[in-house]
Amino acid sequence: MITLTHYLILTGLLFAIGLVGVMRRTNLLMLFFSTEILLNAVNIGFVAVSKYYGDFTGQMFAFFIIAVAASEVAVGLGLLILWYKRNGSVDLNSLQMMKG
């Protein structure tokens, strides 16, 4: 039987994977993917605790996190496409060459 502890361990592992991905990536697209892993880990934790206590508050938070993540990806991918058209690369090191 799967308990709350199993879900929280999964949440911790996914969050650690996403955090390592955010800190180590130089590709902007992979940075977005790592951020999504972080947000989904938090969602799993919210939903698991919400189910455990029989309250819908965690599920509502997860719903709003999904909505914010979707808008973040839409704006981020738009900026990513613009950056790729200008520079031909999505490498984060090329962002240091930005001139205003």
PDB file of N, CA and C in Angstrom:
ATOM      1  N   MET A   1       0.833  -1.182   0.000  1.00  0.00           N
ATOM      2  CA  MET A   1       0.000   0.000   0.000  1.00  0.00           C
ATOM      3  C   MET A   1       0.880   1.249   0.000  1.00  0.00           C
ATOM      4  N   ILE A   2       0.489   2.217  -0.792  1.00  0.00           N
ATOM      5  CA  ILE A   2       1.255   3.462  -0.892  1.00  0.00           C
ATOM      6  C   ILE A   2       0.742   4.438   0.164  1.00  0.00           C
ATOM      7  N   THR A   3       1.654   4.951   0.963  1.00  0.00           N
ATOM      8  CA  THR A   3       1.288   5.874   2.039  1.00  0.00           C
ATOM      9  C   THR A   3       1.765   7.285   1.718  1.00  0.00           C
ATOM     10  N   LEU A   4       1.472   8.188   2.628  1.00  0.00           N
ATOM     11  CA  LEU A   4       1.903   9.579   2.465  1.00  0.00           C
ATOM     12  C   LEU A   4       3.423   9.674   2.421  1.00  0.00           C
ATOM     13  N   THR A   5       4.094   8.843   3.176  1.00  0.00           N
ATOM     14  CA  THR A   5       5.559   8.859   3.205  1.00  0.00           C
ATOM     15  C   THR A   5       6.147   8.566   1.832  1.00  0.00           C
ATOM     16  N   HIS A   6       5.557   7.632   1.123  1.00  0.00           N
ATOM     17  CA  HIS A   6       6.039   7.309  -0.223  1.00  0.00           C
ATOM     18  C   HIS A   6       5.926   8.520  -1.152  1.00  0.00           C
ATOM     19  N   TYR A   7       4.792   9.198  -1.067  1.00  0.00           N
ATOM     20  CA  TYR A   7       4.602  10.389  -1.903  1.00  0.00           C
ATOM     21  C   TYR A   7       5.577  11.501  -1.530  1.00  0.00           C
ATOM     22  N   LEU A   8       5.815  11.686  -0.256  1.00  0.00           N
ATOM     23  CA  LEU A   8       6.737  12.746   0.166  1.00  0.00           C
ATOM     24  C   LEU A   8       8.183  12.415  -0.207  1.00  0.00           C
ATOM     25  N   ILE A   9       8.542  11.136  -0.188  1.00  0.00           N
ATOM     26  CA  ILE A   9       9.881  10.742  -0.653  1.00  0.00           C
ATOM     27  C   ILE A   9      10.010  11.011  -2.149  1.00  0.00           C
ATOM     28  N   LEU A  10       8.971  10.669  -2.913  1.00  0.00           N
ATOM     29  CA  LEU A  10       8.973  10.959  -4.352  1.00  0.00           C
ATOM     30  C   LEU A  10       9.071  12.461  -4.602  1.00  0.00           C
ATOM     31  N   THR A  11       8.342  13.228  -3.816  1.00  0.00           N
ATOM     32  CA  THR A  11       8.394  14.686  -3.938  1.00  0.00           C
ATOM     33  C   THR A  11       9.805  15.211  -3.675  1.00  0.00           C
ATOM     34  N   GLY A  12      10.434  14.708  -2.634  1.00  0.00           N
ATOM     35  CA  GLY A  12      11.797  15.142  -2.312  1.00  0.00           C
ATOM     36  C   GLY A  12      12.790  14.773  -3.397  1.00  0.00           C
ATOM     37  N   LEU A  13      12.667  13.573  -3.955  1.00  0.00           N
ATOM     38  CA  LEU A  13      13.573  13.155  -5.031  1.00  0.00           C
ATOM     39  C   LEU A  13      13.383  14.004  -6.284  1.00  0.00           C
ATOM     40  N   LEU A  14      12.131  14.221  -6.665  1.00  0.00           N
ATOM     41  CA  LEU A  14      11.878  15.053  -7.844  1.00  0.00           C
ATOM     42  C   LEU A  14      12.348  16.483  -7.638  1.00  0.00           C
ATOM     43  N   PHE A  15      12.135  17.012  -6.442  1.00  0.00           N
ATOM     44  CA  PHE A  15      12.587  18.372  -6.166  1.00  0.00           C
ATOM     45  C   PHE A  15      14.107  18.461  -6.227  1.00  0.00           C
ATOM     46  N   ALA A  16      14.798  17.449  -5.706  1.00  0.00           N
ATOM     47  CA  ALA A  16      16.263  17.447  -5.757  1.00  0.00           C
ATOM     48  C   ALA A  16      16.757  17.359  -7.198  1.00  0.00           C
ATOM     49  N   ILE A  17      16.107  16.529  -8.022  1.00  0.00           N
ATOM     50  CA  ILE A  17      16.490  16.420  -9.439  1.00  0.00           C
ATOM     51  C   ILE A  17      16.276  17.755 -10.139  1.00  0.00           C
ATOM     52  N   GLY A  18      15.140  18.397  -9.892  1.00  0.00           N
ATOM     53  CA  GLY A  18      14.867  19.695 -10.508  1.00  0.00           C
ATOM     54  C   GLY A  18      15.828  20.771 -10.042  1.00  0.00           C
ATOM     55  N   LEU A  19      16.185  20.747  -8.767  1.00  0.00           N
ATOM     56  CA  LEU A  19      17.113  21.742  -8.233  1.00  0.00           C
ATOM     57  C   LEU A  19      18.508  21.581  -8.826  1.00  0.00           C
ATOM     58  N   VAL A  20      18.959  20.345  -8.947  1.00  0.00           N
ATOM     59  CA  VAL A  20      20.258  20.099  -9.581  1.00  0.00           C
ATOM     60  C   VAL A  20      20.214  20.548 -11.037  1.00  0.00           C
ATOM     61  N   GLY A  21      19.098  20.277 -11.701  1.00  0.00           N
ATOM     62  CA  GLY A  21      18.959  20.712 -13.088  1.00  0.00           C
ATOM     63  C   GLY A  21      18.995  22.217 -13.240  1.00  0.00           C
ATOM     64  N   VAL A  22      18.363  22.935 -12.327  1.00  0.00           N
ATOM     65  CA  VAL A  22      18.368  24.402 -12.395  1.00  0.00           C
ATOM     66  C   VAL A  22      19.769  24.946 -12.158  1.00  0.00           C
ATOM     67  N   MET A  23      20.501  24.346 -11.236  1.00  0.00           N
ATOM     68  CA  MET A  23      21.830  24.871 -10.899  1.00  0.00           C
ATOM     69  C   MET A  23      22.893  24.503 -11.930  1.00  0.00           C
ATOM     70  N   ARG A  24      22.736  23.405 -12.642  1.00  0.00           N
ATOM     71  CA  ARG A  24      23.805  22.918 -13.507  1.00  0.00           C
ATOM     72  C   ARG A  24      23.606  23.178 -14.995  1.00  0.00           C
ATOM     73  N   ARG A  25      22.436  23.517 -15.419  1.00  0.00           N
ATOM     74  CA  ARG A  25      22.157  23.650 -16.853  1.00  0.00           C
ATOM     75  C   ARG A  25      22.658  24.980 -17.407  1.00  0.00           C
ATOM     76  N   THR A  26      23.140  24.909 -18.642  1.00  0.00           N
ATOM     77  CA  THR A  26      23.502  26.129 -19.357  1.00  0.00           C
ATOM     78  C   THR A  26      22.581  26.347 -20.549  1.00  0.00           C
ATOM     79  N   ASN A  27      21.770  25.368 -20.883  1.00  0.00           N
ATOM     80  CA  ASN A  27      20.814  25.494 -21.966  1.00  0.00           C
ATOM     81  C   ASN A  27      19.504  26.031 -21.394  1.00  0.00           C
ATOM     82  N   LEU A  28      18.983  27.071 -21.992  1.00  0.00           N
ATOM     83  CA  LEU A  28      17.795  27.726 -21.461  1.00  0.00           C
ATOM     84  C   LEU A  28      16.568  26.821 -21.520  1.00  0.00           C
ATOM     85  N   LEU A  29      16.451  25.993 -22.536  1.00  0.00           N
ATOM     86  CA  LEU A  29      15.320  25.086 -22.648  1.00  0.00           C
ATOM     87  C   LEU A  29      15.352  24.040 -21.537  1.00  0.00           C
ATOM     88  N   MET A  30      16.516  23.516 -21.232  1.00  0.00           N
ATOM     89  CA  MET A  30      16.639  22.552 -20.137  1.00  0.00           C
ATOM     90  C   MET A  30      16.380  23.211 -18.782  1.00  0.00           C
ATOM     91  N   LEU A  31      16.675  24.487 -18.682  1.00  0.00           N
ATOM     92  CA  LEU A  31      16.367  25.227 -17.456  1.00  0.00           C
ATOM     93  C   LEU A  31      14.850  25.303 -17.248  1.00  0.00           C
ATOM     94  N   PHE A  32      14.107  25.516 -18.326  1.00  0.00           N
ATOM     95  CA  PHE A  32      12.651  25.510 -18.234  1.00  0.00           C
ATOM     96  C   PHE A  32      12.132  24.136 -17.810  1.00  0.00           C
ATOM     97  N   PHE A  33      12.703  23.076 -18.379  1.00  0.00           N
ATOM     98  CA  PHE A  33      12.271  21.723 -18.013  1.00  0.00           C
ATOM     99  C   PHE A  33      12.553  21.442 -16.540  1.00  0.00           C
ATOM    100  N   SER A  34      13.691  21.870 -16.064  1.00  0.00           N
ATOM    101  CA  SER A  34      14.029  21.657 -14.654  1.00  0.00           C
ATOM    102  C   SER A  34      13.095  22.425 -13.734  1.00  0.00           C
ATOM    103  N   THR A  35      12.712  23.615 -14.144  1.00  0.00           N
ATOM    104  CA  THR A  35      11.753  24.393 -13.363  1.00  0.00           C
ATOM    105  C   THR A  35      10.403  23.695 -13.310  1.00  0.00           C
ATOM    106  N   GLU A  36      10.003  23.093 -14.419  1.00  0.00           N
ATOM    107  CA  GLU A  36       8.743  22.349 -14.438  1.00  0.00           C
ATOM    108  C   GLU A  36       8.809  21.135 -13.512  1.00  0.00           C
ATOM    109  N   ILE A  37       9.945  20.479 -13.450  1.00  0.00           N
ATOM    110  CA  ILE A  37      10.101  19.347 -12.535  1.00  0.00           C
ATOM    111  C   ILE A  37       9.965  19.823 -11.089  1.00  0.00           C
ATOM    112  N   LEU A  38      10.562  20.956 -10.780  1.00  0.00           N
ATOM    113  CA  LEU A  38      10.411  21.530  -9.433  1.00  0.00           C
ATOM    114  C   LEU A  38       8.946  21.797  -9.098  1.00  0.00           C
ATOM    115  N   LEU A  39       8.237  22.432  -9.994  1.00  0.00           N
ATOM    116  CA  LEU A  39       6.848  22.778  -9.736  1.00  0.00           C
ATOM    117  C   LEU A  39       5.973  21.531  -9.633  1.00  0.00           C
ATOM    118  N   ASN A  40       6.236  20.523 -10.458  1.00  0.00           N
ATOM    119  CA  ASN A  40       5.452  19.293 -10.377  1.00  0.00           C
ATOM    120  C   ASN A  40       5.741  18.520  -9.097  1.00  0.00           C
ATOM    121  N   ALA A  41       6.957  18.600  -8.607  1.00  0.00           N
ATOM    122  CA  ALA A  41       7.272  17.965  -7.324  1.00  0.00           C
ATOM    123  C   ALA A  41       6.463  18.601  -6.203  1.00  0.00           C
ATOM    124  N   VAL A  42       6.384  19.914  -6.209  1.00  0.00           N
ATOM    125  CA  VAL A  42       5.591  20.615  -5.193  1.00  0.00           C
ATOM    126  C   VAL A  42       4.113  20.256  -5.335  1.00  0.00           C
ATOM    127  N   ASN A  43       3.638  20.132  -6.572  1.00  0.00           N
ATOM    128  CA  ASN A  43       2.243  19.750  -6.792  1.00  0.00           C
ATOM    129  C   ASN A  43       1.938  18.373  -6.224  1.00  0.00           C
ATOM    130  N   ILE A  44       2.827  17.419  -6.435  1.00  0.00           N
ATOM    131  CA  ILE A  44       2.623  16.082  -5.889  1.00  0.00           C
ATOM    132  C   ILE A  44       2.546  16.137  -4.367  1.00  0.00           C
ATOM    133  N   GLY A  45       3.414  16.917  -3.761  1.00  0.00           N
ATOM    134  CA  GLY A  45       3.386  17.058  -2.309  1.00  0.00           C
ATOM    135  C   GLY A  45       2.096  17.672  -1.813  1.00  0.00           C
ATOM    136  N   PHE A  46       1.644  18.743  -2.469  1.00  0.00           N
ATOM    137  CA  PHE A  46       0.393  19.390  -2.066  1.00  0.00           C
ATOM    138  C   PHE A  46      -0.796  18.442  -2.179  1.00  0.00           C
ATOM    139  N   VAL A  47      -0.877  17.731  -3.294  1.00  0.00           N
ATOM    140  CA  VAL A  47      -2.016  16.838  -3.509  1.00  0.00           C
ATOM    141  C   VAL A  47      -1.979  15.664  -2.539  1.00  0.00           C
ATOM    142  N   ALA A  48      -0.793  15.119  -2.271  1.00  0.00           N
ATOM    143  CA  ALA A  48      -0.681  13.981  -1.350  1.00  0.00           C
ATOM    144  C   ALA A  48      -1.083  14.384   0.066  1.00  0.00           C
ATOM    145  N   VAL A  49      -0.604  15.520   0.531  1.00  0.00           N
ATOM    146  CA  VAL A  49      -0.967  15.980   1.879  1.00  0.00           C
ATOM    147  C   VAL A  49      -2.453  16.336   1.939  1.00  0.00           C
ATOM    148  N   SER A  50      -2.959  16.915   0.874  1.00  0.00           N
ATOM    149  CA  SER A  50      -4.376  17.250   0.816  1.00  0.00           C
ATOM    150  C   SER A  50      -5.239  15.995   0.894  1.00  0.00           C
ATOM    151  N   LYS A  51      -4.853  14.966   0.180  1.00  0.00           N
ATOM    152  CA  LYS A  51      -5.597  13.700   0.228  1.00  0.00           C
ATOM    153  C   LYS A  51      -5.492  13.059   1.613  1.00  0.00           C
ATOM    154  N   TYR A  52      -4.328  13.155   2.213  1.00  0.00           N
ATOM    155  CA  TYR A  52      -4.120  12.556   3.530  1.00  0.00           C
ATOM    156  C   TYR A  52      -5.015  13.196   4.586  1.00  0.00           C
ATOM    157  N   TYR A  53      -5.145  14.519   4.546  1.00  0.00           N
ATOM    158  CA  TYR A  53      -5.965  15.223   5.531  1.00  0.00           C
ATOM    159  C   TYR A  53      -7.432  15.358   5.117  1.00  0.00           C
ATOM    160  N   GLY A  54      -7.758  14.949   3.905  1.00  0.00           N
ATOM    161  CA  GLY A  54      -9.144  15.041   3.453  1.00  0.00           C
ATOM    162  C   GLY A  54      -9.601  16.454   3.187  1.00  0.00           C
ATOM    163  N   ASP A  55      -8.679  17.331   2.815  1.00  0.00           N
ATOM    164  CA  ASP A  55      -8.979  18.743   2.571  1.00  0.00           C
ATOM    165  C   ASP A  55      -8.609  19.062   1.120  1.00  0.00           C
ATOM    166  N   PHE A  56      -9.360  19.923   0.483  1.00  0.00           N
ATOM    167  CA  PHE A  56      -9.106  20.262  -0.920  1.00  0.00           C
ATOM    168  C   PHE A  56      -8.172  21.451  -1.099  1.00  0.00           C
ATOM    169  N   THR A  57      -7.656  22.004  -0.037  1.00  0.00           N
ATOM    170  CA  THR A  57      -6.814  23.198  -0.135  1.00  0.00           C
ATOM    171  C   THR A  57      -5.537  22.919  -0.932  1.00  0.00           C
ATOM    172  N   GLY A  58      -4.879  21.819  -0.664  1.00  0.00           N
ATOM    173  CA  GLY A  58      -3.662  21.475  -1.394  1.00  0.00           C
ATOM    174  C   GLY A  58      -3.918  21.252  -2.862  1.00  0.00           C
ATOM    175  N   GLN A  59      -5.060  20.669  -3.182  1.00  0.00           N
ATOM    176  CA  GLN A  59      -5.399  20.446  -4.579  1.00  0.00           C
ATOM    177  C   GLN A  59      -5.685  21.753  -5.295  1.00  0.00           C
ATOM    178  N   MET A  60      -6.259  22.710  -4.588  1.00  0.00           N
ATOM    179  CA  MET A  60      -6.502  24.025  -5.176  1.00  0.00           C
ATOM    180  C   MET A  60      -5.174  24.757  -5.436  1.00  0.00           C
ATOM    181  N   PHE A  61      -4.249  24.653  -4.474  1.00  0.00           N
ATOM    182  CA  PHE A  61      -2.930  25.246  -4.690  1.00  0.00           C
ATOM    183  C   PHE A  61      -2.245  24.619  -5.900  1.00  0.00           C
ATOM    184  N   ALA A  62      -2.356  23.298  -6.027  1.00  0.00           N
ATOM    185  CA  ALA A  62      -1.742  22.607  -7.160  1.00  0.00           C
ATOM    186  C   ALA A  62      -2.350  23.085  -8.474  1.00  0.00           C
ATOM    187  N   PHE A  63      -3.652  23.306  -8.482  1.00  0.00           N
ATOM    188  CA  PHE A  63      -4.307  23.807  -9.690  1.00  0.00           C
ATOM    189  C   PHE A  63      -3.763  25.175 -10.092  1.00  0.00           C
ATOM    190  N   PHE A  64      -3.597  26.069  -9.129  1.00  0.00           N
ATOM    191  CA  PHE A  64      -3.080  27.400  -9.435  1.00  0.00           C
ATOM    192  C   PHE A  64      -1.608  27.349  -9.833  1.00  0.00           C
ATOM    193  N   ILE A  65      -0.843  26.440  -9.253  1.00  0.00           N
ATOM    194  CA  ILE A  65       0.560  26.289  -9.646  1.00  0.00           C
ATOM    195  C   ILE A  65       0.651  25.817 -11.094  1.00  0.00           C
ATOM    196  N   ILE A  66      -0.232  24.910 -11.484  1.00  0.00           N
ATOM    197  CA  ILE A  66      -0.247  24.443 -12.873  1.00  0.00           C
ATOM    198  C   ILE A  66      -0.580  25.595 -13.817  1.00  0.00           C
ATOM    199  N   ALA A  67      -1.523  26.436 -13.431  1.00  0.00           N
ATOM    200  CA  ALA A  67      -1.893  27.584 -14.270  1.00  0.00           C
ATOM    201  C   ALA A  67      -0.736  28.568 -14.396  1.00  0.00           C
ATOM    202  N   VAL A  68      -0.054  28.854 -13.296  1.00  0.00           N
ATOM    203  CA  VAL A  68       1.096  29.760 -13.334  1.00  0.00           C
ATOM    204  C   VAL A  68       2.235  29.159 -14.149  1.00  0.00           C
ATOM    205  N   ALA A  69       2.452  27.855 -14.010  1.00  0.00           N
ATOM    206  CA  ALA A  69       3.519  27.188 -14.765  1.00  0.00           C
ATOM    207  C   ALA A  69       3.233  27.226 -16.263  1.00  0.00           C
ATOM    208  N   ALA A  70       1.974  27.062 -16.636  1.00  0.00           N
ATOM    209  CA  ALA A  70       1.619  27.109 -18.056  1.00  0.00           C
ATOM    210  C   ALA A  70       1.865  28.497 -18.636  1.00  0.00           C
ATOM    211  N   SER A  71       1.508  29.526 -17.899  1.00  0.00           N
ATOM    212  CA  SER A  71       1.750  30.885 -18.396  1.00  0.00           C
ATOM    213  C   SER A  71       3.241  31.198 -18.423  1.00  0.00           C
ATOM    214  N   GLU A  72       3.980  30.691 -17.453  1.00  0.00           N
ATOM    215  CA  GLU A  72       5.436  30.899 -17.429  1.00  0.00           C
ATOM    216  C   GLU A  72       6.098  30.246 -18.635  1.00  0.00           C
ATOM    217  N   VAL A  73       5.654  29.065 -18.986  1.00  0.00           N
ATOM    218  CA  VAL A  73       6.219  28.369 -20.144  1.00  0.00           C
ATOM    219  C   VAL A  73       5.856  29.101 -21.427  1.00  0.00           C
ATOM    220  N   ALA A  74       4.624  29.588 -21.533  1.00  0.00           N
ATOM    221  CA  ALA A  74       4.218  30.299 -22.747  1.00  0.00           C
ATOM    222  C   ALA A  74       5.059  31.557 -22.967  1.00  0.00           C
ATOM    223  N   VAL A  75       5.238  32.342 -21.923  1.00  0.00           N
ATOM    224  CA  VAL A  75       6.044  33.562 -22.044  1.00  0.00           C
ATOM    225  C   VAL A  75       7.513  33.210 -22.249  1.00  0.00           C
ATOM    226  N   GLY A  76       8.000  32.238 -21.485  1.00  0.00           N
ATOM    227  CA  GLY A  76       9.405  31.848 -21.585  1.00  0.00           C
ATOM    228  C   GLY A  76       9.768  31.289 -22.945  1.00  0.00           C
ATOM    229  N   LEU A  77       8.895  30.454 -23.517  1.00  0.00           N
ATOM    230  CA  LEU A  77       9.200  29.911 -24.840  1.00  0.00           C
ATOM    231  C   LEU A  77       9.141  30.984 -25.919  1.00  0.00           C
ATOM    232  N   GLY A  78       8.243  31.952 -25.748  1.00  0.00           N
ATOM    233  CA  GLY A  78       8.225  33.069 -26.690  1.00  0.00           C
ATOM    234  C   GLY A  78       9.531  33.852 -26.657  1.00  0.00           C
ATOM    235  N   LEU A  79      10.025  34.120 -25.459  1.00  0.00           N
ATOM    236  CA  LEU A  79      11.310  34.814 -25.331  1.00  0.00           C
ATOM    237  C   LEU A  79      12.462  33.955 -25.828  1.00  0.00           C
ATOM    238  N   LEU A  80      12.367  32.659 -25.596  1.00  0.00           N
ATOM    239  CA  LEU A  80      13.399  31.735 -26.058  1.00  0.00           C
ATOM    240  C   LEU A  80      13.477  31.709 -27.575  1.00  0.00           C
ATOM    241  N   ILE A  81      12.346  31.683 -28.247  1.00  0.00           N
ATOM    242  CA  ILE A  81      12.336  31.696 -29.713  1.00  0.00           C
ATOM    243  C   ILE A  81      12.916  33.004 -30.238  1.00  0.00           C
ATOM    244  N   LEU A  82      12.549  34.117 -29.622  1.00  0.00           N
ATOM    245  CA  LEU A  82      13.102  35.414 -30.020  1.00  0.00           C
ATOM    246  C   LEU A  82      14.613  35.446 -29.833  1.00  0.00           C
ATOM    247  N   TRP A  83      15.083  34.920 -28.693  1.00  0.00           N
ATOM    248  CA  TRP A  83      16.519  34.900 -28.423  1.00  0.00           C
ATOM    249  C   TRP A  83      17.250  34.009 -29.428  1.00  0.00           C
ATOM    250  N   TYR A  84      16.657  32.874 -29.785  1.00  0.00           N
ATOM    251  CA  TYR A  84      17.288  31.965 -30.735  1.00  0.00           C
ATOM    252  C   TYR A  84      17.359  32.596 -32.123  1.00  0.00           C
ATOM    253  N   LYS A  85      16.322  33.329 -32.518  1.00  0.00           N
ATOM    254  CA  LYS A  85      16.341  33.994 -33.826  1.00  0.00           C
ATOM    255  C   LYS A  85      17.406  35.081 -33.888  1.00  0.00           C
ATOM    256  N   ARG A  86      17.642  35.745 -32.768  1.00  0.00           N
ATOM    257  CA  ARG A  86      18.648  36.815 -32.748  1.00  0.00           C
ATOM    258  C   ARG A  86      20.071  36.280 -32.701  1.00  0.00           C
ATOM    259  N   ASN A  87      20.319  35.250 -31.889  1.00  0.00           N
ATOM    260  CA  ASN A  87      21.687  34.814 -31.629  1.00  0.00           C
ATOM    261  C   ASN A  87      22.018  33.439 -32.190  1.00  0.00           C
ATOM    262  N   GLY A  88      21.021  32.634 -32.545  1.00  0.00           N
ATOM    263  CA  GLY A  88      21.282  31.306 -33.076  1.00  0.00           C
ATOM    264  C   GLY A  88      21.678  30.293 -32.023  1.00  0.00           C
ATOM    265  N   SER A  89      21.469  30.606 -30.760  1.00  0.00           N
ATOM    266  CA  SER A  89      21.831  29.706 -29.675  1.00  0.00           C
ATOM    267  C   SER A  89      20.925  29.974 -28.480  1.00  0.00           C
ATOM    268  N   VAL A  90      20.697  28.917 -27.684  1.00  0.00           N
ATOM    269  CA  VAL A  90      19.931  29.085 -26.452  1.00  0.00           C
ATOM    270  C   VAL A  90      20.824  28.836 -25.245  1.00  0.00           C
ATOM    271  N   ASP A  91      22.106  29.034 -25.425  1.00  0.00           N
ATOM    272  CA  ASP A  91      23.077  28.845 -24.358  1.00  0.00           C
ATOM    273  C   ASP A  91      23.021  30.029 -23.402  1.00  0.00           C
ATOM    274  N   LEU A  92      22.987  29.738 -22.107  1.00  0.00           N
ATOM    275  CA  LEU A  92      22.909  30.810 -21.114  1.00  0.00           C
ATOM    276  C   LEU A  92      24.156  31.676 -21.072  1.00  0.00           C
ATOM    277  N   ASN A  93      25.288  31.130 -21.477  1.00  0.00           N
ATOM    278  CA  ASN A  93      26.514  31.924 -21.484  1.00  0.00           C
ATOM    279  C   ASN A  93      26.448  33.050 -22.511  1.00  0.00           C
ATOM    280  N   SER A  94      25.619  32.876 -23.557  1.00  0.00           N
ATOM    281  CA  SER A  94      25.488  33.949 -24.547  1.00  0.00           C
ATOM    282  C   SER A  94      24.652  35.108 -24.012  1.00  0.00           C
ATOM    283  N   LEU A  95      23.955  34.921 -22.917  1.00  0.00           N
ATOM    284  CA  LEU A  95      23.172  36.007 -22.326  1.00  0.00           C
ATOM    285  C   LEU A  95      24.082  37.081 -21.721  1.00  0.00           C
ATOM    286  N   GLN A  96      25.315  36.754 -21.452  1.00  0.00           N
ATOM    287  CA  GLN A  96      26.239  37.731 -20.892  1.00  0.00           C
ATOM    288  C   GLN A  96      26.613  38.796 -21.919  1.00  0.00           C
ATOM    289  N   MET A  97      26.356  38.516 -23.197  1.00  0.00           N
ATOM    290  CA  MET A  97      26.698  39.473 -24.257  1.00  0.00           C
ATOM    291  C   MET A  97      25.572  40.469 -24.499  1.00  0.00           C
ATOM    292  N   MET A  98      24.519  40.453 -23.706  1.00  0.00           N
ATOM    293  CA  MET A  98      23.400  41.345 -23.921  1.00  0.00           C
ATOM    294  C   MET A  98      23.821  42.805 -23.798  1.00  0.00           C
ATOM    295  N   LYS A  99      23.362  43.578 -24.723  1.00  0.00           N
ATOM    296  CA  LYS A  99      23.663  45.016 -24.712  1.00  0.00           C
ATOM    297  C   LYS A  99      22.343  45.757 -24.807  1.00  0.00           C
ATOM    298  N   GLY A 100      22.184  46.806 -24.008  1.00  0.00           N
ATOM    299  CA  GLY A 100      20.925  47.537 -23.980  1.00  0.00           C
ATOM    300  C   GLY A 100      20.878  48.741 -24.823  1.00  0.00           C
TER     301      GLY A 100
END
